[in-house]
Amino acid sequence: MAIRQILRRSLSNERRLVEVPKGHLAVYVGEGEKKRFVIPLSYLNHHLFQELLFHAEEEFGFHHPMGGITIPCSEDQFIDLTSRLSRT
């Protein structure tokens, strides 16, 4: 499955750079300069977040230049989405 490949590579790269708390994942977000966010793995099960992952796969394939998953949306959109997910 594509998501598992992305996660496996991202998690191994992230461990080499900066530790991420257990049960979380680092992602990079932004249209120009990328900002790093650490999110709960539970977000990956939500259909709205899976849409973002699908767009990331379409844009970047399995090569993410930042070393973690790069999400191709604005920082404001990402914050809005994660705020909604944290309330569910």
PDB file of N, CA and C in Angstrom:
ATOM      1  N   MET A   1       0.845  -1.181   0.000  1.00  0.00           N
ATOM      2  CA  MET A   1       0.000   0.000   0.000  1.00  0.00           C
ATOM      3  C   MET A   1       0.887   1.240   0.000  1.00  0.00           C
ATOM      4  N   ALA A   2       0.526   2.235  -0.738  1.00  0.00           N
ATOM      5  CA  ALA A   2       1.336   3.434  -0.920  1.00  0.00           C
ATOM      6  C   ALA A   2       1.564   4.195   0.383  1.00  0.00           C
ATOM      7  N   ILE A   3       0.534   4.320   1.194  1.00  0.00           N
ATOM      8  CA  ILE A   3       0.658   5.063   2.448  1.00  0.00           C
ATOM      9  C   ILE A   3       1.693   4.407   3.353  1.00  0.00           C
ATOM     10  N   ARG A   4       1.695   3.096   3.405  1.00  0.00           N
ATOM     11  CA  ARG A   4       2.663   2.390   4.263  1.00  0.00           C
ATOM     12  C   ARG A   4       4.087   2.640   3.796  1.00  0.00           C
ATOM     13  N   GLN A   5       4.308   2.667   2.486  1.00  0.00           N
ATOM     14  CA  GLN A   5       5.651   2.936   1.976  1.00  0.00           C
ATOM     15  C   GLN A   5       6.099   4.342   2.345  1.00  0.00           C
ATOM     16  N   ILE A   6       5.198   5.306   2.191  1.00  0.00           N
ATOM     17  CA  ILE A   6       5.520   6.689   2.548  1.00  0.00           C
ATOM     18  C   ILE A   6       5.875   6.771   4.027  1.00  0.00           C
ATOM     19  N   LEU A   7       5.029   6.162   4.866  1.00  0.00           N
ATOM     20  CA  LEU A   7       5.257   6.227   6.310  1.00  0.00           C
ATOM     21  C   LEU A   7       6.551   5.550   6.707  1.00  0.00           C
ATOM     22  N   ARG A   8       6.807   4.373   6.146  1.00  0.00           N
ATOM     23  CA  ARG A   8       8.018   3.633   6.501  1.00  0.00           C
ATOM     24  C   ARG A   8       9.258   4.462   6.195  1.00  0.00           C
ATOM     25  N   ARG A   9       9.317   5.048   5.011  1.00  0.00           N
ATOM     26  CA  ARG A   9      10.472   5.862   4.632  1.00  0.00           C
ATOM     27  C   ARG A   9      10.561   7.125   5.470  1.00  0.00           C
ATOM     28  N   SER A  10       9.423   7.768   5.685  1.00  0.00           N
ATOM     29  CA  SER A  10       9.422   9.003   6.456  1.00  0.00           C
ATOM     30  C   SER A  10       9.833   8.762   7.893  1.00  0.00           C
ATOM     31  N   LEU A  11       9.314   7.712   8.488  1.00  0.00           N
ATOM     32  CA  LEU A  11       9.651   7.431   9.878  1.00  0.00           C
ATOM     33  C   LEU A  11      11.132   7.113  10.034  1.00  0.00           C
ATOM     34  N   SER A  12      11.703   6.356   9.114  1.00  0.00           N
ATOM     35  CA  SER A  12      13.122   6.024   9.234  1.00  0.00           C
ATOM     36  C   SER A  12      13.983   7.266   9.043  1.00  0.00           C
ATOM     37  N   ASN A  13      13.610   8.146   8.126  1.00  0.00           N
ATOM     38  CA  ASN A  13      14.350   9.389   7.921  1.00  0.00           C
ATOM     39  C   ASN A  13      14.205  10.312   9.121  1.00  0.00           C
ATOM     40  N   GLU A  14      13.005  10.401   9.665  1.00  0.00           N
ATOM     41  CA  GLU A  14      12.767  11.283  10.796  1.00  0.00           C
ATOM     42  C   GLU A  14      13.572  10.863  12.018  1.00  0.00           C
ATOM     43  N   ARG A  15      13.690   9.586  12.263  1.00  0.00           N
ATOM     44  CA  ARG A  15      14.441   9.122  13.436  1.00  0.00           C
ATOM     45  C   ARG A  15      15.892   9.569  13.352  1.00  0.00           C
ATOM     46  N   ARG A  16      16.416   9.616  12.149  1.00  0.00           N
ATOM     47  CA  ARG A  16      17.801  10.051  11.989  1.00  0.00           C
ATOM     48  C   ARG A  16      17.954  11.533  12.269  1.00  0.00           C
ATOM     49  N   LEU A  17      16.922  12.330  11.990  1.00  0.00           N
ATOM     50  CA  LEU A  17      17.035  13.775  12.141  1.00  0.00           C
ATOM     51  C   LEU A  17      16.660  14.233  13.547  1.00  0.00           C
ATOM     52  N   VAL A  18      15.419  14.048  13.918  1.00  0.00           N
ATOM     53  CA  VAL A  18      14.914  14.494  15.209  1.00  0.00           C
ATOM     54  C   VAL A  18      13.890  13.469  15.681  1.00  0.00           C
ATOM     55  N   GLU A  19      13.969  13.099  16.925  1.00  0.00           N
ATOM     56  CA  GLU A  19      13.022  12.127  17.455  1.00  0.00           C
ATOM     57  C   GLU A  19      11.612  12.717  17.464  1.00  0.00           C
ATOM     58  N   VAL A  20      10.664  11.898  17.118  1.00  0.00           N
ATOM     59  CA  VAL A  20       9.248  12.245  17.133  1.00  0.00           C
ATOM     60  C   VAL A  20       8.618  11.378  18.223  1.00  0.00           C
ATOM     61  N   PRO A  21       7.752  11.960  19.058  1.00  0.00           N
ATOM     62  CA  PRO A  21       7.141  11.161  20.129  1.00  0.00           C
ATOM     63  C   PRO A  21       6.425   9.931  19.584  1.00  0.00           C
ATOM     64  N   LYS A  22       6.425   8.874  20.358  1.00  0.00           N
ATOM     65  CA  LYS A  22       5.751   7.642  19.980  1.00  0.00           C
ATOM     66  C   LYS A  22       4.279   7.947  19.693  1.00  0.00           C
ATOM     67  N   GLY A  23       3.774   7.375  18.604  1.00  0.00           N
ATOM     68  CA  GLY A  23       2.382   7.592  18.237  1.00  0.00           C
ATOM     69  C   GLY A  23       2.154   8.845  17.417  1.00  0.00           C
ATOM     70  N   HIS A  24       3.235   9.476  16.966  1.00  0.00           N
ATOM     71  CA  HIS A  24       3.142  10.702  16.183  1.00  0.00           C
ATOM     72  C   HIS A  24       3.971  10.588  14.908  1.00  0.00           C
ATOM     73  N   LEU A  25       3.768  11.533  14.008  1.00  0.00           N
ATOM     74  CA  LEU A  25       4.453  11.565  12.727  1.00  0.00           C
ATOM     75  C   LEU A  25       4.762  13.013  12.378  1.00  0.00           C
ATOM     76  N   ALA A  26       5.948  13.258  11.856  1.00  0.00           N
ATOM     77  CA  ALA A  26       6.302  14.600  11.401  1.00  0.00           C
ATOM     78  C   ALA A  26       5.922  14.744   9.930  1.00  0.00           C
ATOM     79  N   VAL A  27       5.276  15.855   9.606  1.00  0.00           N
ATOM     80  CA  VAL A  27       4.945  16.176   8.224  1.00  0.00           C
ATOM     81  C   VAL A  27       5.397  17.606   7.950  1.00  0.00           C
ATOM     82  N   TYR A  28       5.627  17.897   6.685  1.00  0.00           N
ATOM     83  CA  TYR A  28       6.035  19.240   6.271  1.00  0.00           C
ATOM     84  C   TYR A  28       4.932  19.825   5.422  1.00  0.00           C
ATOM     85  N   VAL A  29       4.552  21.062   5.745  1.00  0.00           N
ATOM     86  CA  VAL A  29       3.389  21.686   5.127  1.00  0.00           C
ATOM     87  C   VAL A  29       3.752  23.076   4.641  1.00  0.00           C
ATOM     88  N   GLY A  30       3.193  23.437   3.500  1.00  0.00           N
ATOM     89  CA  GLY A  30       3.353  24.791   2.984  1.00  0.00           C
ATOM     90  C   GLY A  30       3.468  24.792   1.482  1.00  0.00           C
ATOM     91  N   GLU A  31       3.123  25.917   0.906  1.00  0.00           N
ATOM     92  CA  GLU A  31       3.176  26.045  -0.536  1.00  0.00           C
ATOM     93  C   GLU A  31       4.535  26.549  -1.000  1.00  0.00           C
ATOM     94  N   GLY A  32       5.205  27.319  -0.193  1.00  0.00           N
ATOM     95  CA  GLY A  32       6.552  27.797  -0.498  1.00  0.00           C
ATOM     96  C   GLY A  32       7.511  27.187   0.505  1.00  0.00           C
ATOM     97  N   GLU A  33       7.800  27.953   1.536  1.00  0.00           N
ATOM     98  CA  GLU A  33       8.633  27.444   2.625  1.00  0.00           C
ATOM     99  C   GLU A  33       7.815  26.444   3.434  1.00  0.00           C
ATOM    100  N   LYS A  34       8.422  25.339   3.769  1.00  0.00           N
ATOM    101  CA  LYS A  34       7.728  24.266   4.484  1.00  0.00           C
ATOM    102  C   LYS A  34       7.928  24.402   5.985  1.00  0.00           C
ATOM    103  N   LYS A  35       6.855  24.153   6.732  1.00  0.00           N
ATOM    104  CA  LYS A  35       6.915  24.165   8.189  1.00  0.00           C
ATOM    105  C   LYS A  35       6.648  22.750   8.683  1.00  0.00           C
ATOM    106  N   ARG A  36       7.370  22.334   9.701  1.00  0.00           N
ATOM    107  CA  ARG A  36       7.259  20.982  10.250  1.00  0.00           C
ATOM    108  C   ARG A  36       6.186  20.948  11.327  1.00  0.00           C
ATOM    109  N   PHE A  37       5.293  19.955  11.216  1.00  0.00           N
ATOM    110  CA  PHE A  37       4.258  19.708  12.212  1.00  0.00           C
ATOM    111  C   PHE A  37       4.386  18.271  12.674  1.00  0.00           C
ATOM    112  N   VAL A  38       4.142  18.037  13.950  1.00  0.00           N
ATOM    113  CA  VAL A  38       4.120  16.679  14.497  1.00  0.00           C
ATOM    114  C   VAL A  38       2.664  16.388  14.836  1.00  0.00           C
ATOM    115  N   ILE A  39       2.130  15.350  14.200  1.00  0.00           N
ATOM    116  CA  ILE A  39       0.702  15.034  14.338  1.00  0.00           C
ATOM    117  C   ILE A  39       0.520  13.626  14.888  1.00  0.00           C
ATOM    118  N   PRO A  40      -0.612  13.360  15.532  1.00  0.00           N
ATOM    119  CA  PRO A  40      -0.899  11.995  15.998  1.00  0.00           C
ATOM    120  C   PRO A  40      -1.123  11.054  14.819  1.00  0.00           C
ATOM    121  N   LEU A  41      -0.666   9.823  14.943  1.00  0.00           N
ATOM    122  CA  LEU A  41      -0.882   8.830  13.891  1.00  0.00           C
ATOM    123  C   LEU A  41      -2.365   8.578  13.648  1.00  0.00           C
ATOM    124  N   SER A  42      -3.204   8.817  14.627  1.00  0.00           N
ATOM    125  CA  SER A  42      -4.637   8.584  14.471  1.00  0.00           C
ATOM    126  C   SER A  42      -5.242   9.425  13.352  1.00  0.00           C
ATOM    127  N   TYR A  43      -4.616  10.564  13.020  1.00  0.00           N
ATOM    128  CA  TYR A  43      -5.118  11.396  11.920  1.00  0.00           C
ATOM    129  C   TYR A  43      -5.080  10.656  10.593  1.00  0.00           C
ATOM    130  N   LEU A  44      -4.181   9.690  10.469  1.00  0.00           N
ATOM    131  CA  LEU A  44      -4.033   8.961   9.211  1.00  0.00           C
ATOM    132  C   LEU A  44      -5.269   8.144   8.871  1.00  0.00           C
ATOM    133  N   ASN A  45      -6.087   7.833   9.849  1.00  0.00           N
ATOM    134  CA  ASN A  45      -7.304   7.056   9.615  1.00  0.00           C
ATOM    135  C   ASN A  45      -8.471   7.908   9.139  1.00  0.00           C
ATOM    136  N   HIS A  46      -8.355   9.214   9.241  1.00  0.00           N
ATOM    137  CA  HIS A  46      -9.465  10.093   8.872  1.00  0.00           C
ATOM    138  C   HIS A  46      -9.478  10.336   7.370  1.00  0.00           C
ATOM    139  N   HIS A  47     -10.670  10.265   6.769  1.00  0.00           N
ATOM    140  CA  HIS A  47     -10.772  10.384   5.309  1.00  0.00           C
ATOM    141  C   HIS A  47     -10.278  11.733   4.786  1.00  0.00           C
ATOM    142  N   LEU A  48     -10.441  12.815   5.538  1.00  0.00           N
ATOM    143  CA  LEU A  48      -9.952  14.121   5.073  1.00  0.00           C
ATOM    144  C   LEU A  48      -8.426  14.151   5.021  1.00  0.00           C
ATOM    145  N   PHE A  49      -7.789  13.546   6.009  1.00  0.00           N
ATOM    146  CA  PHE A  49      -6.327  13.511   6.007  1.00  0.00           C
ATOM    147  C   PHE A  49      -5.824  12.573   4.912  1.00  0.00           C
ATOM    148  N   GLN A  50      -6.551  11.506   4.667  1.00  0.00           N
ATOM    149  CA  GLN A  50      -6.159  10.584   3.601  1.00  0.00           C
ATOM    150  C   GLN A  50      -6.222  11.263   2.236  1.00  0.00           C
ATOM    151  N   GLU A  51      -7.140  12.215   2.061  1.00  0.00           N
ATOM    152  CA  GLU A  51      -7.178  12.991   0.817  1.00  0.00           C
ATOM    153  C   GLU A  51      -5.894  13.806   0.658  1.00  0.00           C
ATOM    154  N   LEU A  52      -5.416  14.394   1.750  1.00  0.00           N
ATOM    155  CA  LEU A  52      -4.156  15.139   1.689  1.00  0.00           C
ATOM    156  C   LEU A  52      -2.993  14.224   1.315  1.00  0.00           C
ATOM    157  N   LEU A  53      -2.984  13.024   1.883  1.00  0.00           N
ATOM    158  CA  LEU A  53      -1.926  12.070   1.556  1.00  0.00           C
ATOM    159  C   LEU A  53      -1.980  11.665   0.086  1.00  0.00           C
ATOM    160  N   PHE A  54      -3.180  11.534  -0.439  1.00  0.00           N
ATOM    161  CA  PHE A  54      -3.333  11.195  -1.851  1.00  0.00           C
ATOM    162  C   PHE A  54      -2.756  12.304  -2.723  1.00  0.00           C
ATOM    163  N   HIS A  55      -3.036  13.561  -2.366  1.00  0.00           N
ATOM    164  CA  HIS A  55      -2.477  14.689  -3.120  1.00  0.00           C
ATOM    165  C   HIS A  55      -0.958  14.744  -2.987  1.00  0.00           C
ATOM    166  N   ALA A  56      -0.456  14.408  -1.810  1.00  0.00           N
ATOM    167  CA  ALA A  56       1.003  14.369  -1.615  1.00  0.00           C
ATOM    168  C   ALA A  56       1.623  13.308  -2.507  1.00  0.00           C
ATOM    169  N   GLU A  57       0.974  12.154  -2.596  1.00  0.00           N
ATOM    170  CA  GLU A  57       1.487  11.083  -3.447  1.00  0.00           C
ATOM    171  C   GLU A  57       1.460  11.499  -4.915  1.00  0.00           C
ATOM    172  N   GLU A  58       0.383  12.170  -5.332  1.00  0.00           N
ATOM    173  CA  GLU A  58       0.291  12.628  -6.721  1.00  0.00           C
ATOM    174  C   GLU A  58       1.390  13.631  -7.056  1.00  0.00           C
ATOM    175  N   GLU A  59       1.654  14.544  -6.121  1.00  0.00           N
ATOM    176  CA  GLU A  59       2.626  15.606  -6.393  1.00  0.00           C
ATOM    177  C   GLU A  59       4.072  15.151  -6.234  1.00  0.00           C
ATOM    178  N   PHE A  60       4.354  14.366  -5.208  1.00  0.00           N
ATOM    179  CA  PHE A  60       5.735  14.021  -4.889  1.00  0.00           C
ATOM    180  C   PHE A  60       6.082  12.552  -5.121  1.00  0.00           C
ATOM    181  N   GLY A  61       5.092  11.702  -5.331  1.00  0.00           N
ATOM    182  CA  GLY A  61       5.373  10.274  -5.421  1.00  0.00           C
ATOM    183  C   GLY A  61       5.894   9.800  -4.077  1.00  0.00           C
ATOM    184  N   PHE A  62       6.944   9.002  -4.094  1.00  0.00           N
ATOM    185  CA  PHE A  62       7.527   8.527  -2.846  1.00  0.00           C
ATOM    186  C   PHE A  62       8.804   9.267  -2.496  1.00  0.00           C
ATOM    187  N   HIS A  63       9.138  10.296  -3.260  1.00  0.00           N
ATOM    188  CA  HIS A  63      10.318  11.104  -2.979  1.00  0.00           C
ATOM    189  C   HIS A  63       9.864  12.401  -2.331  1.00  0.00           C
ATOM    190  N   HIS A  64      10.139  12.532  -1.051  1.00  0.00           N
ATOM    191  CA  HIS A  64       9.777  13.743  -0.327  1.00  0.00           C
ATOM    192  C   HIS A  64      11.068  14.466   0.029  1.00  0.00           C
ATOM    193  N   PRO A  65      11.303  15.616  -0.603  1.00  0.00           N
ATOM    194  CA  PRO A  65      12.581  16.316  -0.455  1.00  0.00           C
ATOM    195  C   PRO A  65      12.927  16.731   0.972  1.00  0.00           C
ATOM    196  N   MET A  66      11.935  16.861   1.843  1.00  0.00           N
ATOM    197  CA  MET A  66      12.194  17.295   3.213  1.00  0.00           C
ATOM    198  C   MET A  66      12.585  16.127   4.123  1.00  0.00           C
ATOM    199  N   GLY A  67      12.483  14.900   3.629  1.00  0.00           N
ATOM    200  CA  GLY A  67      12.818  13.741   4.447  1.00  0.00           C
ATOM    201  C   GLY A  67      11.614  13.131   5.128  1.00  0.00           C
ATOM    202  N   GLY A  68      10.558  13.899   5.307  1.00  0.00           N
ATOM    203  CA  GLY A  68       9.300  13.407   5.858  1.00  0.00           C
ATOM    204  C   GLY A  68       8.222  13.600   4.822  1.00  0.00           C
ATOM    205  N   ILE A  69       7.015  13.286   5.176  1.00  0.00           N
ATOM    206  CA  ILE A  69       5.906  13.468   4.238  1.00  0.00           C
ATOM    207  C   ILE A  69       5.685  14.966   4.050  1.00  0.00           C
ATOM    208  N   THR A  70       5.625  15.384   2.799  1.00  0.00           N
ATOM    209  CA  THR A  70       5.363  16.778   2.464  1.00  0.00           C
ATOM    210  C   THR A  70       3.919  16.884   2.002  1.00  0.00           C
ATOM    211  N   ILE A  71       3.154  17.745   2.656  1.00  0.00           N
ATOM    212  CA  ILE A  71       1.735  17.926   2.351  1.00  0.00           C
ATOM    213  C   ILE A  71       1.583  19.190   1.505  1.00  0.00           C
ATOM    214  N   PRO A  72       1.059  19.049   0.278  1.00  0.00           N
ATOM    215  CA  PRO A  72       0.940  20.201  -0.616  1.00  0.00           C
ATOM    216  C   PRO A  72      -0.337  21.015  -0.377  1.00  0.00           C
ATOM    217  N   CYS A  73      -0.367  21.761   0.711  1.00  0.00           N
ATOM    218  CA  CYS A  73      -1.481  22.675   0.961  1.00  0.00           C
ATOM    219  C   CYS A  73      -0.937  23.845   1.777  1.00  0.00           C
ATOM    220  N   SER A  74      -1.747  24.874   1.932  1.00  0.00           N
ATOM    221  CA  SER A  74      -1.292  26.014   2.717  1.00  0.00           C
ATOM    222  C   SER A  74      -1.251  25.648   4.199  1.00  0.00           C
ATOM    223  N   GLU A  75      -0.423  26.360   4.909  1.00  0.00           N
ATOM    224  CA  GLU A  75      -0.307  26.132   6.352  1.00  0.00           C
ATOM    225  C   GLU A  75      -1.639  26.386   7.048  1.00  0.00           C
ATOM    226  N   ASP A  76      -2.363  27.418   6.619  1.00  0.00           N
ATOM    227  CA  ASP A  76      -3.664  27.733   7.220  1.00  0.00           C
ATOM    228  C   ASP A  76      -4.675  26.608   7.009  1.00  0.00           C
ATOM    229  N   GLN A  77      -4.708  26.040   5.806  1.00  0.00           N
ATOM    230  CA  GLN A  77      -5.618  24.924   5.532  1.00  0.00           C
ATOM    231  C   GLN A  77      -5.274  23.726   6.405  1.00  0.00           C
ATOM    232  N   PHE A  78      -3.987  23.452   6.569  1.00  0.00           N
ATOM    233  CA  PHE A  78      -3.558  22.311   7.371  1.00  0.00           C
ATOM    234  C   PHE A  78      -3.931  22.516   8.838  1.00  0.00           C
ATOM    235  N   ILE A  79      -3.705  23.698   9.350  1.00  0.00           N
ATOM    236  CA  ILE A  79      -4.047  23.995  10.746  1.00  0.00           C
ATOM    237  C   ILE A  79      -5.550  23.878  10.959  1.00  0.00           C
ATOM    238  N   ASP A  80      -6.340  24.372   9.987  1.00  0.00           N
ATOM    239  CA  ASP A  80      -7.793  24.250  10.079  1.00  0.00           C
ATOM    240  C   ASP A  80      -8.208  22.783  10.125  1.00  0.00           C
ATOM    241  N   LEU A  81      -7.636  21.978   9.239  1.00  0.00           N
ATOM    242  CA  LEU A  81      -7.975  20.549   9.196  1.00  0.00           C
ATOM    243  C   LEU A  81      -7.580  19.851  10.490  1.00  0.00           C
ATOM    244  N   THR A  82      -6.361  20.062  10.950  1.00  0.00           N
ATOM    245  CA  THR A  82      -5.921  19.373  12.169  1.00  0.00           C
ATOM    246  C   THR A  82      -6.699  19.854  13.393  1.00  0.00           C
ATOM    247  N   SER A  83      -7.144  21.092  13.391  1.00  0.00           N
ATOM    248  CA  SER A  83      -7.978  21.581  14.493  1.00  0.00           C
ATOM    249  C   SER A  83      -9.308  20.833  14.511  1.00  0.00           C
ATOM    250  N   ARG A  84      -9.886  20.621  13.321  1.00  0.00           N
ATOM    251  CA  ARG A  84     -11.146  19.870  13.245  1.00  0.00           C
ATOM    252  C   ARG A  84     -10.934  18.420  13.661  1.00  0.00           C
ATOM    253  N   LEU A  85      -9.817  17.825  13.243  1.00  0.00           N
ATOM    254  CA  LEU A  85      -9.558  16.427  13.593  1.00  0.00           C
ATOM    255  C   LEU A  85      -9.318  16.250  15.074  1.00  0.00           C
ATOM    256  N   SER A  86      -8.723  17.227  15.717  1.00  0.00           N
ATOM    257  CA  SER A  86      -8.442  17.107  17.150  1.00  0.00           C
ATOM    258  C   SER A  86      -9.712  17.149  17.992  1.00  0.00           C
ATOM    259  N   ARG A  87     -10.782  17.680  17.413  1.00  0.00           N
ATOM    260  CA  ARG A  87     -12.066  17.766  18.147  1.00  0.00           C
ATOM    261  C   ARG A  87     -12.915  16.519  17.960  1.00  0.00           C
ATOM    262  N   THR A  88     -12.510  15.623  17.048  1.00  0.00           N
ATOM    263  CA  THR A  88     -13.326  14.433  16.803  1.00  0.00           C
ATOM    264  C   THR A  88     -12.882  13.262  17.639  1.00  0.00           C
TER     265      THR A  88
END
